[in-house]
């Protein structure tokens, strides 16, 4: 779908919200906005799509309910401003939107928004109710992810060769939708999604993307929507497997699950972000014995790690025996370790021995 067509569709949805409220007022009815309930009791794991989804429970935001009035006003303010932004073919950050709408309400000493923690959830309400990503609303998030490898990107009028991005890689923009970013000349066999920037730099310096014939991508910790959406596009449009390389700790493993199944907080949009075919390449506690990693580079598991492991063990998407065994092994050994620990075996051990061996033997967790 072309950008103009998509924008027109989004504007129609925003106008429909305003039209509904206007018609309610004309009929003498109490103005209300229907919104999906974004809480844990309205979230489930869909076995068919293998993603976290939001249920069909909804609630009413009522103008004449004193507990709702402020949020009702904020919702209409944001929806109206978003329409203006799209009409102007502009893109702004969620911080810009907050400042653009913050003002003192006439005849009072009260502000429309006191801080951004009020406007951000309203944006999510609108995304959720309209089944849109914020990028489709012309809202830009902060960018942090980078990618490089055998692929070209057409960004506006510029065609960028990702094999010639030097040590920094190509900075992934907040909006990687097909009408904004065209993916061209892909000559890779898989996507390697790396948790940490420092490890990504090792793979880039060693040109692993070249001899490994892959694309190397990092979200520099918890990935943003853009990195996840780009990985999904590469998987869906080019049938590239996505392999996750994370720390062997509860936090790295949870980041993997967010890439694969999605996050609870973004359950309303996970079909546009999650990549259920993602496989966990490593690091694992089992690797400590398999690759004879010295004990002195392991880290002692703490009580917060154990608590997180127990929580994750109860998630539907971690019920598979392989994951339950890995969690059990981590608690029994009472250790965790970072990817950088592999440097103890040699600075290029991770790129020249560990990864090639894991891929060749297909030693993945599902």
Protein backbone atom coordinates (compact mmCIF):
# COMPACT_ATOMS: atom_id res chain seq x y z
CA UNK A 1 0.00 0.00 0.00
CA UNK A 2 1.35 3.42 -0.98
CA UNK A 3 2.04 5.98 1.76
CA UNK A 4 -0.78 8.26 0.56
CA UNK A 5 -3.30 5.42 0.66
CA UNK A 6 -2.19 4.33 4.12
CA UNK A 7 -2.35 7.90 5.45
CA UNK A 8 -5.84 8.30 4.00
CA UNK A 9 -6.97 5.12 5.75
CA UNK A 10 -5.54 6.29 9.09
CA UNK A 11 -7.15 9.72 8.76
CA UNK A 12 -10.51 8.04 8.08
CA UNK A 13 -10.17 6.10 11.34
CA UNK A 14 -9.34 9.25 13.31
CA UNK A 15 -12.25 11.13 11.72
CA UNK A 16 -14.58 8.24 12.56
CA UNK A 17 -13.70 8.62 16.23
CA UNK A 18 -14.52 12.33 16.11
CA UNK A 19 -17.70 11.71 14.13
CA UNK A 20 -18.95 9.19 16.70
CA UNK A 21 -18.46 11.63 19.57
CA UNK A 22 -20.08 14.48 17.59
CA UNK A 23 -23.14 12.38 16.76
CA UNK A 24 -23.51 11.36 20.40
CA UNK A 25 -23.56 15.04 21.41
CA UNK A 26 -26.08 15.92 18.69
CA UNK A 27 -28.40 13.18 19.95
CA UNK A 28 -28.11 14.42 23.52
CA UNK A 29 -26.26 11.28 24.56
CA UNK A 30 -23.37 11.12 26.99
CA UNK A 31 -20.16 11.29 24.88
CA UNK A 32 -18.04 8.16 25.17
CA UNK A 33 -15.10 6.46 23.48
CA UNK A 34 -14.85 2.67 23.37
CA UNK A 35 -11.37 1.29 24.05
CA UNK A 36 -9.94 -2.23 24.41
CA UNK A 37 -8.95 -3.13 27.95
CA UNK A 38 -5.15 -3.20 28.13
CA UNK A 39 -4.62 -5.33 31.23
CA UNK A 40 -3.32 -8.82 31.99
CA UNK A 41 -6.82 -10.28 32.29
CA UNK A 42 -7.46 -9.38 28.64
CA UNK A 43 -4.24 -10.87 27.23
CA UNK A 44 -3.66 -14.43 26.03
CA UNK A 45 -1.17 -16.53 24.08
CA UNK A 46 -2.61 -17.50 20.72
CA UNK A 47 -1.46 -21.02 19.83
CA UNK A 48 -2.30 -20.63 16.16
CA UNK A 49 -0.24 -17.49 15.50
CA UNK A 50 2.22 -18.21 18.34
CA UNK A 51 2.00 -14.59 19.49
CA UNK A 52 0.73 -12.75 22.53
CA UNK A 53 -2.63 -11.17 21.75
CA UNK A 54 -5.18 -8.90 23.31
CA UNK A 55 -8.66 -10.20 24.00
CA UNK A 56 -11.96 -8.62 23.01
CA UNK A 57 -12.90 -6.99 26.32
CA UNK A 58 -13.58 -3.25 26.04
CA UNK A 59 -14.43 -0.35 28.32
CA UNK A 60 -16.05 3.04 27.86
CA UNK A 61 -14.24 6.32 28.48
CA UNK A 62 -17.06 8.66 29.50
CA UNK A 63 -16.90 12.45 29.29
CA UNK A 64 -19.51 12.91 32.05
CA UNK A 65 -17.76 10.53 34.46
CA UNK A 66 -15.53 12.71 36.60
CA UNK A 67 -12.97 9.89 36.83
CA UNK A 68 -12.78 9.78 33.00
CA UNK A 69 -13.26 13.42 31.96
CA UNK A 70 -9.59 14.41 31.90
CA UNK A 71 -8.54 11.35 29.90
CA UNK A 72 -11.48 11.83 27.54
CA UNK A 73 -10.29 15.38 26.81
CA UNK A 74 -6.69 14.18 26.36
CA UNK A 75 -7.79 11.43 23.97
CA UNK A 76 -9.66 13.84 21.69
CA UNK A 77 -6.79 16.36 21.83
CA UNK A 78 -4.24 13.75 20.75
CA UNK A 79 -6.48 12.25 18.04
CA UNK A 80 -7.09 15.72 16.57
CA UNK A 81 -3.39 16.61 16.63
CA UNK A 82 -2.45 13.33 14.97
CA UNK A 83 -4.84 14.06 12.11
CA UNK A 84 -3.19 17.47 11.63
CA UNK A 85 0.28 15.91 11.59
CA UNK A 86 -0.70 13.33 8.98
CA UNK A 87 -2.43 16.00 6.88
CA UNK A 88 0.82 17.99 6.91
CA UNK A 89 2.80 14.86 5.91
CA UNK A 90 5.03 15.45 8.93
CA UNK A 91 6.51 13.09 11.50
CA UNK A 92 7.09 14.03 15.12
CA UNK A 93 8.34 12.35 18.27
CA UNK A 94 6.02 11.44 21.13
CA UNK A 95 7.92 14.07 23.15
CA UNK A 96 7.12 16.72 20.53
CA UNK A 97 3.46 15.71 20.64
CA UNK A 98 3.35 16.12 24.40
CA UNK A 99 4.78 19.65 24.23
CA UNK A 100 2.61 20.63 21.27
CA UNK A 101 -0.53 19.82 23.25
CA UNK A 102 0.47 20.99 26.72
CA UNK A 103 -1.35 24.18 27.60
CA UNK A 104 -3.25 25.80 30.45
CA UNK A 105 -6.98 25.24 30.04
CA UNK A 106 -8.82 28.55 29.65
CA UNK A 107 -10.40 29.84 32.85
CA UNK A 108 -8.44 27.43 35.03
CA UNK A 109 -4.96 26.90 36.41
CA UNK A 110 -4.93 23.33 35.18
CA UNK A 111 -2.80 22.05 32.30
CA UNK A 112 -4.04 19.73 29.59
CA UNK A 113 -1.06 17.45 30.37
CA UNK A 114 1.18 17.69 33.40
CA UNK A 115 3.86 15.33 32.06
CA UNK A 116 4.53 12.86 29.29
CA UNK A 117 3.46 9.93 31.45
CA UNK A 118 -0.11 11.15 30.80
CA UNK A 119 0.15 11.42 27.01
CA UNK A 120 2.05 8.19 26.27
CA UNK A 121 -0.71 5.81 27.50
CA UNK A 122 -3.30 7.77 25.49
CA UNK A 123 -1.23 7.21 22.34
CA UNK A 124 -1.24 3.48 23.11
CA UNK A 125 -5.01 3.60 23.63
CA UNK A 126 -5.44 5.10 20.16
CA UNK A 127 -3.03 2.61 18.57
CA UNK A 128 -4.87 -0.24 20.21
CA UNK A 129 -8.40 0.90 19.41
CA UNK A 130 -7.55 1.52 15.75
CA UNK A 131 -5.24 -1.48 15.28
CA UNK A 132 -2.37 0.76 14.19
CA UNK A 133 1.30 1.11 14.97
CA UNK A 134 2.37 4.55 16.19
CA UNK A 135 4.59 4.81 13.12
CA UNK A 136 1.39 4.69 11.03
CA UNK A 137 0.22 7.68 13.08
CA UNK A 138 3.40 9.53 12.02
CA UNK A 139 4.90 9.28 15.50
CA UNK A 140 8.62 8.58 15.59
CA UNK A 141 10.26 6.73 18.46
CA UNK A 142 13.88 7.12 19.50
CA UNK A 143 16.16 4.96 17.35
CA UNK A 144 19.00 2.80 18.62
CA UNK A 145 19.24 -0.35 16.50
CA UNK A 146 21.78 -1.00 13.75
CA UNK A 147 22.11 -3.57 10.98
CA UNK A 148 24.63 -4.50 8.33
CA UNK A 149 25.10 -7.26 5.80
CA UNK A 150 24.36 -8.33 2.24
CA UNK A 151 21.37 -6.14 1.50
CA UNK A 152 20.41 -2.76 0.08
CA UNK A 153 17.87 -0.37 1.52
CA UNK A 154 15.98 2.31 -0.35
CA UNK A 155 15.16 5.08 2.11
CA UNK A 156 13.34 7.87 0.28
CA UNK A 157 15.48 8.73 -2.75
CA UNK A 158 18.62 7.17 -1.27
CA UNK A 159 19.73 3.59 -1.96
CA UNK A 160 22.07 2.35 0.78
CA UNK A 161 24.41 -0.62 0.49
CA UNK A 162 24.59 -2.24 3.92
CA UNK A 163 27.92 -3.91 3.11
CA UNK A 164 29.55 -0.48 3.04
CA UNK A 165 28.48 0.99 6.38
CA UNK A 166 31.85 0.86 8.13
CA UNK A 167 32.13 0.18 11.85
CA UNK A 168 28.83 1.81 12.78
CA UNK A 169 26.34 -0.03 10.59
CA UNK A 170 23.10 1.41 9.23
CA UNK A 171 21.02 3.11 11.91
CA UNK A 172 17.51 1.65 11.76
CA UNK A 173 14.89 4.43 11.58
CA UNK A 174 11.76 4.33 13.73
CA UNK A 175 9.51 3.69 10.72
CA UNK A 176 10.51 0.69 8.61
CA UNK A 177 7.12 0.10 7.00
CA UNK A 178 7.22 -0.95 3.30
CA UNK A 179 5.91 2.42 2.15
CA UNK A 180 8.92 4.10 3.85
CA UNK A 181 11.73 1.56 3.59
CA UNK A 182 12.18 -0.69 0.54
CA UNK A 183 14.34 -3.78 1.03
CA UNK A 184 16.38 -4.71 -2.04
CA UNK A 185 19.03 -7.18 -3.25
CA UNK A 186 18.97 -9.42 -0.20
CA UNK A 187 21.83 -11.95 -0.45
CA UNK A 188 21.68 -13.50 3.00
CA UNK A 189 20.63 -16.86 4.40
CA UNK A 190 19.45 -15.72 7.83
CA UNK A 191 19.20 -12.81 10.27
CA UNK A 192 21.39 -12.90 13.38
CA UNK A 193 19.62 -10.85 16.08
CA UNK A 194 22.28 -9.97 18.67
CA UNK A 195 21.30 -8.68 22.10
CA UNK A 196 24.29 -6.44 22.80
CA UNK A 197 25.96 -3.67 20.86
CA UNK A 198 29.47 -4.66 21.99
CA UNK A 199 28.98 -8.19 20.67
CA UNK A 200 27.46 -6.86 17.44
CA UNK A 201 30.61 -4.77 16.98
CA UNK A 202 32.73 -7.91 17.25
CA UNK A 203 30.69 -9.61 14.52
CA UNK A 204 30.83 -6.50 12.33
CA UNK A 205 34.58 -6.02 12.74
CA UNK A 206 35.13 -9.69 11.85
CA UNK A 207 32.77 -9.26 8.86
CA UNK A 208 30.81 -12.27 10.01
CA UNK A 209 27.92 -11.03 7.87
CA UNK A 210 30.10 -11.58 4.78
CA UNK A 211 31.61 -15.03 5.27
CA UNK A 212 28.59 -16.12 7.32
CA UNK A 213 26.29 -14.83 4.57
CA UNK A 214 23.82 -13.23 6.96
CA UNK A 215 22.48 -9.94 8.24
CA UNK A 216 23.59 -8.89 11.74
CA UNK A 217 21.12 -6.82 13.72
CA UNK A 218 21.09 -5.46 17.26
CA UNK A 219 18.58 -3.53 19.30
CA UNK A 220 21.30 -2.68 21.84
CA UNK A 221 19.50 -4.42 24.68
CA UNK A 222 15.72 -4.56 24.70
CA UNK A 223 14.90 -3.94 21.02
CA UNK A 224 12.51 -1.21 19.97
CA UNK A 225 9.57 -1.74 17.64
CA UNK A 226 11.65 -0.80 14.59
CA UNK A 227 14.23 -3.58 15.00
CA UNK A 228 11.52 -6.14 15.69
CA UNK A 229 9.43 -4.98 12.73
CA UNK A 230 12.44 -5.10 10.39
CA UNK A 231 13.31 -8.64 11.52
CA UNK A 232 9.70 -9.67 10.93
CA UNK A 233 9.70 -8.16 7.44
CA UNK A 234 12.91 -9.99 6.53
CA UNK A 235 11.41 -13.24 7.79
CA UNK A 236 8.03 -12.82 6.08
CA UNK A 237 9.05 -11.19 2.82
CA UNK A 238 12.36 -12.98 2.21
CA UNK A 239 11.86 -16.18 4.23
CA UNK A 240 15.02 -15.52 6.23
CA UNK A 241 15.27 -17.49 9.49
CA UNK A 242 15.87 -15.30 12.56
CA UNK A 243 18.44 -16.61 15.06
CA UNK A 244 18.72 -14.93 18.45
CA UNK A 245 22.07 -14.54 20.23
CA UNK A 246 21.52 -13.46 23.84
CA UNK A 247 23.16 -13.57 27.27
CA UNK A 248 22.52 -16.76 29.22
CA UNK A 249 20.42 -15.05 31.85
CA UNK A 250 16.68 -14.52 32.43
CA UNK A 251 16.80 -11.05 30.90
CA UNK A 252 18.47 -12.10 27.63
CA UNK A 253 16.10 -15.05 27.33
CA UNK A 254 13.11 -12.79 27.88
CA UNK A 255 14.35 -10.41 25.17
CA UNK A 256 14.41 -13.43 22.85
CA UNK A 257 10.79 -14.21 23.75
CA UNK A 258 9.78 -10.62 22.98
CA UNK A 259 11.32 -10.93 19.50
CA UNK A 260 9.62 -14.30 19.00
CA UNK A 261 6.18 -14.07 20.67
CA UNK A 262 5.87 -10.40 21.54
CA UNK A 263 5.52 -8.46 24.77
CA UNK A 264 2.60 -8.21 27.15
CA UNK A 265 2.62 -4.40 26.99
CA UNK A 266 2.32 -4.39 23.18
CA UNK A 267 -0.09 -7.33 22.92
CA UNK A 268 -2.42 -5.22 20.76
CA UNK A 269 0.10 -5.01 17.91
CA UNK A 270 2.22 -8.16 18.10
CA UNK A 271 1.06 -9.61 14.76
CA UNK A 272 2.90 -6.65 13.20
CA UNK A 273 6.01 -7.03 15.36
CA UNK A 274 6.61 -10.61 16.52
CA UNK A 275 8.49 -13.27 14.55
CA UNK A 276 7.28 -16.67 15.85
CA UNK A 277 9.80 -18.58 13.71
CA UNK A 278 12.74 -17.11 15.70
CA UNK A 279 15.08 -19.69 17.22
CA UNK A 280 17.35 -19.25 20.23
CA UNK A 281 20.94 -19.88 19.19
CA UNK A 282 22.63 -19.15 22.50
CA UNK A 283 24.14 -18.49 24.95
CA UNK A 284 22.98 -21.37 27.20
CA UNK A 285 24.11 -22.84 30.49
CA UNK A 286 24.68 -26.12 28.66
CA UNK A 287 27.33 -24.32 26.58
CA UNK A 288 29.50 -23.94 29.69
CA UNK A 289 30.26 -27.67 29.62
CA UNK A 290 30.04 -28.17 25.84
CA UNK A 291 32.59 -25.43 25.08
CA UNK A 292 34.54 -25.75 28.33
CA UNK A 293 33.95 -22.15 29.36
CA UNK A 294 36.04 -21.41 32.52
CA UNK A 295 33.98 -21.10 35.70
CA UNK A 296 35.67 -17.83 36.67
CA UNK A 297 33.79 -15.96 33.90
CA UNK A 298 30.36 -17.18 35.06
CA UNK A 299 28.24 -14.99 37.31
CA UNK A 300 26.39 -16.15 40.40
CA UNK A 301 22.62 -16.22 40.03
CA UNK A 302 20.90 -13.82 42.45
CA UNK A 303 17.44 -13.93 44.03
CA UNK A 304 15.97 -11.58 41.42
CA UNK A 305 17.23 -13.88 38.66
CA UNK A 306 15.61 -16.88 40.34
CA UNK A 307 12.34 -15.00 40.78
CA UNK A 308 12.35 -14.02 37.10
CA UNK A 309 13.12 -17.60 36.03
CA UNK A 310 10.18 -18.88 38.05
CA UNK A 311 7.89 -16.29 36.43
CA UNK A 312 9.10 -17.17 32.94
CA UNK A 313 8.72 -20.90 33.57
CA UNK A 314 4.98 -20.29 34.00
CA UNK A 315 4.57 -18.39 30.72
CA UNK A 316 2.73 -20.47 28.15
CA UNK A 317 5.36 -19.77 25.49
CA UNK A 318 8.17 -21.13 27.69
CA UNK A 319 6.39 -24.40 28.53
CA UNK A 320 8.39 -26.45 26.02
CA UNK A 321 10.57 -29.12 27.62
CA UNK A 322 13.80 -27.67 26.21
CA UNK A 323 13.17 -24.36 27.96
CA UNK A 324 12.02 -25.92 31.21
CA UNK A 325 15.22 -28.00 31.23
CA UNK A 326 17.34 -24.90 30.58
CA UNK A 327 15.68 -22.98 33.43
CA UNK A 328 16.16 -25.96 35.74
CA UNK A 329 19.82 -26.26 34.71
CA UNK A 330 20.41 -22.55 35.37
CA UNK A 331 18.96 -22.81 38.88
CA UNK A 332 20.83 -26.02 39.69
CA UNK A 333 24.16 -24.57 38.56
CA UNK A 334 23.20 -21.21 40.14
CA UNK A 335 25.06 -19.35 37.38
CA UNK A 336 24.47 -17.06 34.43
CA UNK A 337 26.90 -15.65 31.91
CA UNK A 338 27.28 -12.91 29.34
CA UNK A 339 28.19 -13.37 25.70
CA UNK A 340 31.43 -11.51 26.33
CA UNK A 341 32.52 -14.40 28.55
CA UNK A 342 33.32 -16.32 25.37
CA UNK A 343 36.24 -13.92 24.86
CA UNK A 344 38.04 -15.92 27.54
CA UNK A 345 38.42 -18.62 24.87
CA UNK A 346 39.87 -16.12 22.42
CA UNK A 347 38.81 -12.73 21.08
CA UNK A 348 37.35 -14.26 17.90
CA UNK A 349 36.17 -17.52 19.40
CA UNK A 350 32.53 -16.40 19.21
CA UNK A 351 32.68 -15.59 15.49
CA UNK A 352 35.12 -18.25 14.29
CA UNK A 353 34.18 -21.29 16.38
CA UNK A 354 31.14 -20.90 18.64
CA UNK A 355 28.57 -19.51 16.17
CA UNK A 356 29.61 -21.61 13.15
CA UNK A 357 29.51 -24.76 15.29
CA UNK A 358 26.10 -23.95 16.82
CA UNK A 359 24.61 -23.22 13.41
CA UNK A 360 26.13 -26.29 11.76
CA UNK A 361 24.83 -28.59 14.50
CA UNK A 362 21.48 -26.72 14.65
CA UNK A 363 21.85 -26.52 18.41
CA UNK A 364 18.87 -24.22 18.92
CA UNK A 365 16.22 -23.79 21.61
CA UNK A 366 12.68 -23.48 20.16
